[in-house]
Amino acid sequence: MILYHGSDQIIKTPELRSSTRTLDFGAGFYTTTNKEQAINFAVKVYTRSIREGTAPRGKFISVYEVDYEKMKQELDILHFKSADELWLDFVMANRRNTYNGKRYDVIYGPVANDTIYRTLIAFEDGVLSAEDTIARLKVRQLFDQMTFVSERSLSFLKYSDFIEVPNG
């Protein structure tokens, strides 16, 4: 399986770093099988660096190979096949920083992008029920994310290349 990671730098050796941002699957090293999604994230990171006054290095996609079948045998993986109610509860708990459940090595499933996040906010504010939220998510094309959350899981990522995203 090929995975991509968008950033303002090339990441040959992924690391787990703490984050002040609340993310779908909690703290970890985020990747995707969708190159366009990784490009969009690289642009976001680059733009955020400029806005925050740090000097971005560029817009890069780091490319990795993983043996997912081997990972499934050796790691504890939580895999959400769709944006269902369990996924919604998990994402909201992580975004609220209230998740206290089981710890996994890898979490794999749909990503709540910025458009989706507006729907999640409506759910969080009580404007939408869980059923209405899931129904709205089902009509959207949701890309995936594979998040590596343990040191052991990072050893399965084999860096293979990088892509520089052109300006424009």
C-alpha atoms as a PDB file:
ATOM      1  CA  MET A   1       0.000   0.000   0.000  1.00  0.00           C
ATOM      2  CA  ILE A   2       1.255   3.499  -0.857  1.00  0.00           C
ATOM      3  CA  LEU A   3       0.679   6.277   1.681  1.00  0.00           C
ATOM      4  CA  TYR A   4       1.238  10.029   1.422  1.00  0.00           C
ATOM      5  CA  HIS A   5       1.963  12.690   4.035  1.00  0.00           C
ATOM      6  CA  GLY A   6       1.622  16.400   3.186  1.00  0.00           C
ATOM      7  CA  SER A   7       3.855  18.904   4.973  1.00  0.00           C
ATOM      8  CA  ASP A   8       6.104  21.925   4.527  1.00  0.00           C
ATOM      9  CA  GLN A   9       9.101  19.597   4.687  1.00  0.00           C
ATOM     10  CA  ILE A  10      10.188  16.152   3.563  1.00  0.00           C
ATOM     11  CA  ILE A  11       9.704  13.561   6.323  1.00  0.00           C
ATOM     12  CA  LYS A  12      12.032  10.608   5.796  1.00  0.00           C
ATOM     13  CA  THR A  13      11.800   9.394   9.390  1.00  0.00           C
ATOM     14  CA  PRO A  14       8.326   9.990  10.847  1.00  0.00           C
ATOM     15  CA  GLU A  15       8.045  10.851  14.536  1.00  0.00           C
ATOM     16  CA  LEU A  16       5.244  11.077  17.021  1.00  0.00           C
ATOM     17  CA  ARG A  17       4.905  14.626  18.280  1.00  0.00           C
ATOM     18  CA  SER A  18       2.450  16.150  20.679  1.00  0.00           C
ATOM     19  CA  SER A  19      -0.027  18.553  19.163  1.00  0.00           C
ATOM     20  CA  THR A  20      -2.108  21.353  20.582  1.00  0.00           C
ATOM     21  CA  ARG A  21      -4.662  20.833  17.795  1.00  0.00           C
ATOM     22  CA  THR A  22      -7.458  18.339  18.307  1.00  0.00           C
ATOM     23  CA  LEU A  23      -7.583  15.963  15.351  1.00  0.00           C
ATOM     24  CA  ASP A  24      -9.961  13.242  14.144  1.00  0.00           C
ATOM     25  CA  PHE A  25      -7.920  10.321  15.449  1.00  0.00           C
ATOM     26  CA  GLY A  26      -5.964  12.107  18.168  1.00  0.00           C
ATOM     27  CA  ALA A  27      -2.226  12.689  18.220  1.00  0.00           C
ATOM     28  CA  GLY A  28      -0.201  10.722  15.687  1.00  0.00           C
ATOM     29  CA  PHE A  29       1.470  10.709  12.291  1.00  0.00           C
ATOM     30  CA  TYR A  30      -1.258  11.186   9.671  1.00  0.00           C
ATOM     31  CA  THR A  31      -1.108   9.690   6.184  1.00  0.00           C
ATOM     32  CA  THR A  32      -3.569   9.009   3.371  1.00  0.00           C
ATOM     33  CA  THR A  33      -3.848   6.828   0.285  1.00  0.00           C
ATOM     34  CA  ASN A  34      -5.124   9.877  -1.638  1.00  0.00           C
ATOM     35  CA  LYS A  35      -2.355  11.994  -3.172  1.00  0.00           C
ATOM     36  CA  GLU A  36      -4.696  14.981  -3.778  1.00  0.00           C
ATOM     37  CA  GLN A  37      -5.643  15.043  -0.117  1.00  0.00           C
ATOM     38  CA  ALA A  38      -1.946  15.050   0.834  1.00  0.00           C
ATOM     39  CA  ILE A  39      -1.313  17.921  -1.586  1.00  0.00           C
ATOM     40  CA  ASN A  40      -4.160  19.923  -0.040  1.00  0.00           C
ATOM     41  CA  PHE A  41      -2.728  19.312   3.415  1.00  0.00           C
ATOM     42  CA  ALA A  42       0.786  20.364   2.324  1.00  0.00           C
ATOM     43  CA  VAL A  43      -0.664  23.635   1.032  1.00  0.00           C
ATOM     44  CA  LYS A  44      -2.536  24.123   4.334  1.00  0.00           C
ATOM     45  CA  VAL A  45       0.589  23.532   6.430  1.00  0.00           C
ATOM     46  CA  TYR A  46       2.611  25.868   4.201  1.00  0.00           C
ATOM     47  CA  THR A  47      -0.049  28.601   4.434  1.00  0.00           C
ATOM     48  CA  ARG A  48      -0.372  28.177   8.212  1.00  0.00           C
ATOM     49  CA  SER A  49       3.418  28.517   8.590  1.00  0.00           C
ATOM     50  CA  ILE A  50       3.349  31.812   6.708  1.00  0.00           C
ATOM     51  CA  ARG A  51       0.365  33.063   8.736  1.00  0.00           C
ATOM     52  CA  GLU A  52       2.094  32.143  12.024  1.00  0.00           C
ATOM     53  CA  GLY A  53       5.316  33.838  10.969  1.00  0.00           C
ATOM     54  CA  THR A  54       7.494  30.746  10.698  1.00  0.00           C
ATOM     55  CA  ALA A  55       9.563  30.121   7.598  1.00  0.00           C
ATOM     56  CA  PRO A  56       8.085  27.218   5.627  1.00  0.00           C
ATOM     57  CA  ARG A  57      10.545  25.175   3.594  1.00  0.00           C
ATOM     58  CA  GLY A  58       8.096  24.394   0.805  1.00  0.00           C
ATOM     59  CA  LYS A  59       5.156  22.132   0.027  1.00  0.00           C
ATOM     60  CA  PHE A  60       6.079  18.459  -0.007  1.00  0.00           C
ATOM     61  CA  ILE A  61       4.429  15.074  -0.160  1.00  0.00           C
ATOM     62  CA  SER A  62       6.450  12.326   1.497  1.00  0.00           C
ATOM     63  CA  VAL A  63       5.674   8.916   0.015  1.00  0.00           C
ATOM     64  CA  TYR A  64       5.763   5.673   2.014  1.00  0.00           C
ATOM     65  CA  GLU A  65       5.172   2.010   1.390  1.00  0.00           C
ATOM     66  CA  VAL A  66       3.559  -0.197   4.026  1.00  0.00           C
ATOM     67  CA  ASP A  67       2.672  -3.855   4.166  1.00  0.00           C
ATOM     68  CA  TYR A  68      -0.862  -3.494   5.471  1.00  0.00           C
ATOM     69  CA  GLU A  69      -1.434  -7.237   5.700  1.00  0.00           C
ATOM     70  CA  LYS A  70       1.622  -7.603   7.934  1.00  0.00           C
ATOM     71  CA  MET A  71       0.493  -4.607   9.986  1.00  0.00           C
ATOM     72  CA  LYS A  72      -2.895  -6.254  10.562  1.00  0.00           C
ATOM     73  CA  GLN A  73      -1.129  -9.345  11.902  1.00  0.00           C
ATOM     74  CA  GLU A  74       1.311  -7.533  14.188  1.00  0.00           C
ATOM     75  CA  LEU A  75      -0.386  -4.317  15.303  1.00  0.00           C
ATOM     76  CA  ASP A  76      -3.589  -3.357  17.038  1.00  0.00           C
ATOM     77  CA  ILE A  77      -5.522  -1.506  14.313  1.00  0.00           C
ATOM     78  CA  LEU A  78      -8.845   0.273  14.605  1.00  0.00           C
ATOM     79  CA  HIS A  79     -10.355   0.367  11.101  1.00  0.00           C
ATOM     80  CA  PHE A  80     -13.496   2.380  10.376  1.00  0.00           C
ATOM     81  CA  LYS A  81     -14.796   1.231   7.000  1.00  0.00           C
ATOM     82  CA  SER A  82     -17.269   4.118   6.778  1.00  0.00           C
ATOM     83  CA  ALA A  83     -18.405   7.265   8.541  1.00  0.00           C
ATOM     84  CA  ASP A  84     -20.887   5.533  10.809  1.00  0.00           C
ATOM     85  CA  GLU A  85     -22.030   6.323  14.340  1.00  0.00           C
ATOM     86  CA  LEU A  86     -19.013   4.623  15.969  1.00  0.00           C
ATOM     87  CA  TRP A  87     -16.676   6.690  13.759  1.00  0.00           C
ATOM     88  CA  LEU A  88     -18.613   9.868  14.592  1.00  0.00           C
ATOM     89  CA  ASP A  89     -18.405   9.203  18.345  1.00  0.00           C
ATOM     90  CA  PHE A  90     -14.674   8.459  18.089  1.00  0.00           C
ATOM     91  CA  VAL A  91     -13.895  11.567  16.002  1.00  0.00           C
ATOM     92  CA  MET A  92     -15.945  13.843  18.245  1.00  0.00           C
ATOM     93  CA  ALA A  93     -14.287  12.468  21.391  1.00  0.00           C
ATOM     94  CA  ASN A  94     -10.854  13.133  19.884  1.00  0.00           C
ATOM     95  CA  ARG A  95     -11.783  16.598  18.640  1.00  0.00           C
ATOM     96  CA  ARG A  96     -13.143  17.424  22.105  1.00  0.00           C
ATOM     97  CA  ASN A  97     -10.021  15.887  23.661  1.00  0.00           C
ATOM     98  CA  THR A  98     -12.166  13.589  25.798  1.00  0.00           C
ATOM     99  CA  TYR A  99     -11.278  10.164  24.344  1.00  0.00           C
ATOM    100  CA  ASN A 100     -10.233   7.801  27.149  1.00  0.00           C
ATOM    101  CA  GLY A 101     -10.790   4.451  25.467  1.00  0.00           C
ATOM    102  CA  LYS A 102      -8.492   1.738  24.217  1.00  0.00           C
ATOM    103  CA  ARG A 103      -5.172   2.786  22.701  1.00  0.00           C
ATOM    104  CA  TYR A 104      -4.342   1.463  19.248  1.00  0.00           C
ATOM    105  CA  ASP A 105      -1.179   1.340  17.147  1.00  0.00           C
ATOM    106  CA  VAL A 106      -2.914   2.519  13.968  1.00  0.00           C
ATOM    107  CA  ILE A 107      -6.290   4.094  13.264  1.00  0.00           C
ATOM    108  CA  TYR A 108      -7.623   3.947   9.702  1.00  0.00           C
ATOM    109  CA  GLY A 109     -10.801   5.406   8.299  1.00  0.00           C
ATOM    110  CA  PRO A 110     -12.562   8.399   6.756  1.00  0.00           C
ATOM    111  CA  VAL A 111     -11.193  11.892   7.244  1.00  0.00           C
ATOM    112  CA  ALA A 112     -13.415  14.760   8.377  1.00  0.00           C
ATOM    113  CA  ASN A 113     -12.168  17.523   6.087  1.00  0.00           C
ATOM    114  CA  ASP A 114     -13.119  21.205   6.508  1.00  0.00           C
ATOM    115  CA  THR A 115     -16.466  20.788   4.730  1.00  0.00           C
ATOM    116  CA  ILE A 116     -17.294  17.758   6.853  1.00  0.00           C
ATOM    117  CA  TYR A 117     -16.179  19.582   9.971  1.00  0.00           C
ATOM    118  CA  ARG A 118     -19.022  22.105   9.586  1.00  0.00           C
ATOM    119  CA  THR A 119     -21.429  19.173   9.748  1.00  0.00           C
ATOM    120  CA  LEU A 120     -19.639  17.880  12.860  1.00  0.00           C
ATOM    121  CA  ILE A 121     -19.941  21.288  14.520  1.00  0.00           C
ATOM    122  CA  ALA A 122     -23.686  21.296  13.796  1.00  0.00           C
ATOM    123  CA  PHE A 123     -23.873  17.860  15.444  1.00  0.00           C
ATOM    124  CA  GLU A 124     -21.798  19.010  18.419  1.00  0.00           C
ATOM    125  CA  ASP A 125     -24.012  22.079  18.858  1.00  0.00           C
ATOM    126  CA  GLY A 126     -27.129  19.889  18.881  1.00  0.00           C
ATOM    127  CA  VAL A 127     -28.422  21.250  15.563  1.00  0.00           C
ATOM    128  CA  LEU A 128     -28.141  17.808  13.930  1.00  0.00           C
ATOM    129  CA  SER A 129     -28.874  14.389  15.389  1.00  0.00           C
ATOM    130  CA  ALA A 130     -26.375  11.552  14.968  1.00  0.00           C
ATOM    131  CA  GLU A 131     -28.638  10.057  12.282  1.00  0.00           C
ATOM    132  CA  ASP A 132     -28.877  13.364  10.358  1.00  0.00           C
ATOM    133  CA  THR A 133     -25.121  13.847  10.629  1.00  0.00           C
ATOM    134  CA  ILE A 134     -24.376  10.358   9.276  1.00  0.00           C
ATOM    135  CA  ALA A 135     -26.901  10.894   6.446  1.00  0.00           C
ATOM    136  CA  ARG A 136     -25.158  14.141   5.432  1.00  0.00           C
ATOM    137  CA  LEU A 137     -21.758  12.473   5.543  1.00  0.00           C
ATOM    138  CA  LYS A 138     -22.898   9.616   3.305  1.00  0.00           C
ATOM    139  CA  VAL A 139     -23.552  11.970   0.366  1.00  0.00           C
ATOM    140  CA  ARG A 140     -20.018  13.351   0.527  1.00  0.00           C
ATOM    141  CA  GLN A 141     -16.914  11.759  -0.895  1.00  0.00           C
ATOM    142  CA  LEU A 142     -14.819  11.041   2.170  1.00  0.00           C
ATOM    143  CA  PHE A 143     -11.135  10.400   1.694  1.00  0.00           C
ATOM    144  CA  ASP A 144      -9.188   8.210   4.063  1.00  0.00           C
ATOM    145  CA  GLN A 145      -6.528   8.714   6.674  1.00  0.00           C
ATOM    146  CA  MET A 146      -4.236   6.230   8.335  1.00  0.00           C
ATOM    147  CA  THR A 147      -2.846   7.526  11.578  1.00  0.00           C
ATOM    148  CA  PHE A 148       0.183   5.925  13.205  1.00  0.00           C
ATOM    149  CA  VAL A 149      -0.125   6.481  16.940  1.00  0.00           C
ATOM    150  CA  SER A 150       2.517   4.211  18.485  1.00  0.00           C
ATOM    151  CA  GLU A 151       6.287   4.157  18.090  1.00  0.00           C
ATOM    152  CA  ARG A 152       6.063   0.522  17.049  1.00  0.00           C
ATOM    153  CA  SER A 153       3.661   1.350  14.211  1.00  0.00           C
ATOM    154  CA  LEU A 154       6.063   3.894  12.711  1.00  0.00           C
ATOM    155  CA  SER A 155       8.545   1.108  11.923  1.00  0.00           C
ATOM    156  CA  PHE A 156       6.124  -0.159   9.258  1.00  0.00           C
ATOM    157  CA  LEU A 157       6.403   3.082   7.261  1.00  0.00           C
ATOM    158  CA  LYS A 158       9.112   2.756   4.614  1.00  0.00           C
ATOM    159  CA  TYR A 159      10.018   6.099   3.066  1.00  0.00           C
ATOM    160  CA  SER A 160      10.328   5.801  -0.723  1.00  0.00           C
ATOM    161  CA  ASP A 161      10.196   9.253  -2.315  1.00  0.00           C
ATOM    162  CA  PHE A 162       8.927  12.813  -2.134  1.00  0.00           C
ATOM    163  CA  ILE A 163       6.936  15.061  -4.430  1.00  0.00           C
ATOM    164  CA  GLU A 164       7.363  18.814  -4.406  1.00  0.00           C
ATOM    165  CA  VAL A 165       4.082  20.660  -4.883  1.00  0.00           C
ATOM    166  CA  PRO A 166       4.541  23.542  -7.314  1.00  0.00           C
ATOM    167  CA  ASN A 167       3.350  27.060  -6.446  1.00  0.00           C
ATOM    168  CA  GLY A 168       0.155  28.181  -8.033  1.00  0.00           C
END
